[in-house]
Amino acid sequence: MTFLPEARLFIDGVLCDAEQGRTYDVIGPWTGEVVGKAADAAAADVERAIAAARRAFDTTDWSTNVALRVALVQKLLDLFEVHRERLSDLARHEAGAALGAVARAHVGMALDGWRDYLAVFPQVAWEKDYGERPGYGMIHRRKALYEPVGVVGAITPWNVPLYVNVGKVVAALLAGCTVILKPAPDTPGMGAIFGELAAEAGFPAGVLNVVFGADPALAGEILVGDPRVDLISFTGSTGVGKRIMEQGAATLKRVFLELGGKSAKIVLADSANFAMDVASAMLVFHAGQGCAVHSRLLVPRSRYEEAKAILTASYARFSENWGDFDNPAHIMGPVISARQMERVLSYIEIGQQEGATLLAGGRRCTAKGGGFFVEPTCFVDVDNSMRIAREEIFGPVLVVIPFEDEEDAIRIANDSSYGLSGSVCSGDLAHAKRVARRIRTGSVSINGGMCIAGDLPFGGYKASGVGREWGVEGIEEFLETKLLAWTVS
């Protein structure tokens, strides 16, 4: 049964079908059945979107009319608020969000982040005065101007699509860029709604365009390779991010990358609430499908057996409290697709082959229906050299690693190709801060502190990416610097 309206392309101010009317089926993670239809963009559709965005940037006042940009971005937010129920339906049917997760990362946090962008926008500096300097017998006055980079290709993933779409599209529009949004094939509706509501809000033709299709790479590769596109903003896997950097080099394209993670939560021996800190590490929110989730739990070897007992009880209590489509208390549903389910299950098999011990879960859960359900899974007796400790699984799989002392914990946390997020728990705040400073990662939560929000910069070290999204810094990613200098005497 089809639940969702057909997702249509938005090119040069017009909602449209793909070339030759091509469409593809959108598969619902909860059922494994078709929940909607989406336009299947061809190369010609992407070319039209690029041409429209280029023309809108080069020939209209969008890049210089700040008041117009702010007014339309606010109007678009107001329309999204009106359509909250539809956003919820899209998050649930397309992305597999559990009802309890919708108000958080999927819809609530996304719209909160949109408001944060508008709130911090007045802090963006459009000029910087470098003062005067003597030279060559004259006095020189210097000033930097910050201008929009141009046409942006925003390539977004399926895990929390509205949140990531907002993070890129709203920042780029406020900066004065024009945008081609390319959402993932699994979640086209959460991209298509940007076009529908932009048309209703009265956006100038070509300022915002939305293209998607069944082929996950076609539109993205065209955007990356086209010299008319000035910047690519990508969130997704590290492997694809590397390919984007390689392909973008031909046109010396600016690239923002928010990539994978294998973040560590360190519970120190002096934790004030050891049981809660360990139990809350269960990797279950949205079935572990988040780049910044803490998928490695590091606990003192002296309390390792205690930690295992806590987790055994916690997973047992949780076992009946997930996977109900209509339960507002549930925060975990299926993974996104059959392909992702097989990937997660393959890693669970790898973990057992490597010698890790399954403490909980480890199987596909057919009792929940025909969708793509994987049991909440926890491995213990894990060494940080194992693949399940080093590679991003992107599923509900937690690995628990013992450490000998604080230095060992820091070593293990940093012994990763990734560096996106992390967490430290201690009864001594100063102690926790000292440890957090030594972890090479883009954000660290200390004793549960909220380190990811729309007014804060977010991004990673090492293979976790390049650049920062959200906050003032997220808008500034879409600006170029122009230096002016003139003589005054």
Foldseek 3Di string as FASTA:
>chain_A
DAADEEQFWFAQLDTDAAVVNDKDFAAFQLARHGHYIYHAHDPVRLVRLLVLQLCCLPPHCLQPPLVVLLVLLVQLLVVVVVCLVVQLVLCCGQQVWALQCCCPLQPVQQSQLSVLCSVQLVVFDQKDWPQWDDDPNFIKTKMKGKTFQEEEEEEEERNRGSNSCSLALSLNSSRRYAYEYEYAPSRSNSQSVSSVSSSVSPDRTSRYIYDYRPDRPRSVLCLLQDLSHAEYEYEEALVVVVVSVVNNVVNPHHYWYQHAAQAEAEEAPQFPCVLCSLLVLQCAAQQQQDRARHQEYEYAPVCVVVSLVSNLVSLVVCQPQEADRPDNRHRHHAGRHPVLLVLLLVVLVQCVVVPWDKSDFNAADCVSHNRHRGRQTETEPDDCVRCSNAPDSSGNYHYYHYAHHLVRVLVSRQPYQWAFEYEYGHPDQVVRVVSVVSRQHFYYHYNNRDGDHQQHWGHTPGSSIDFTTHHSRNSSSRIDMDMDMDTDD
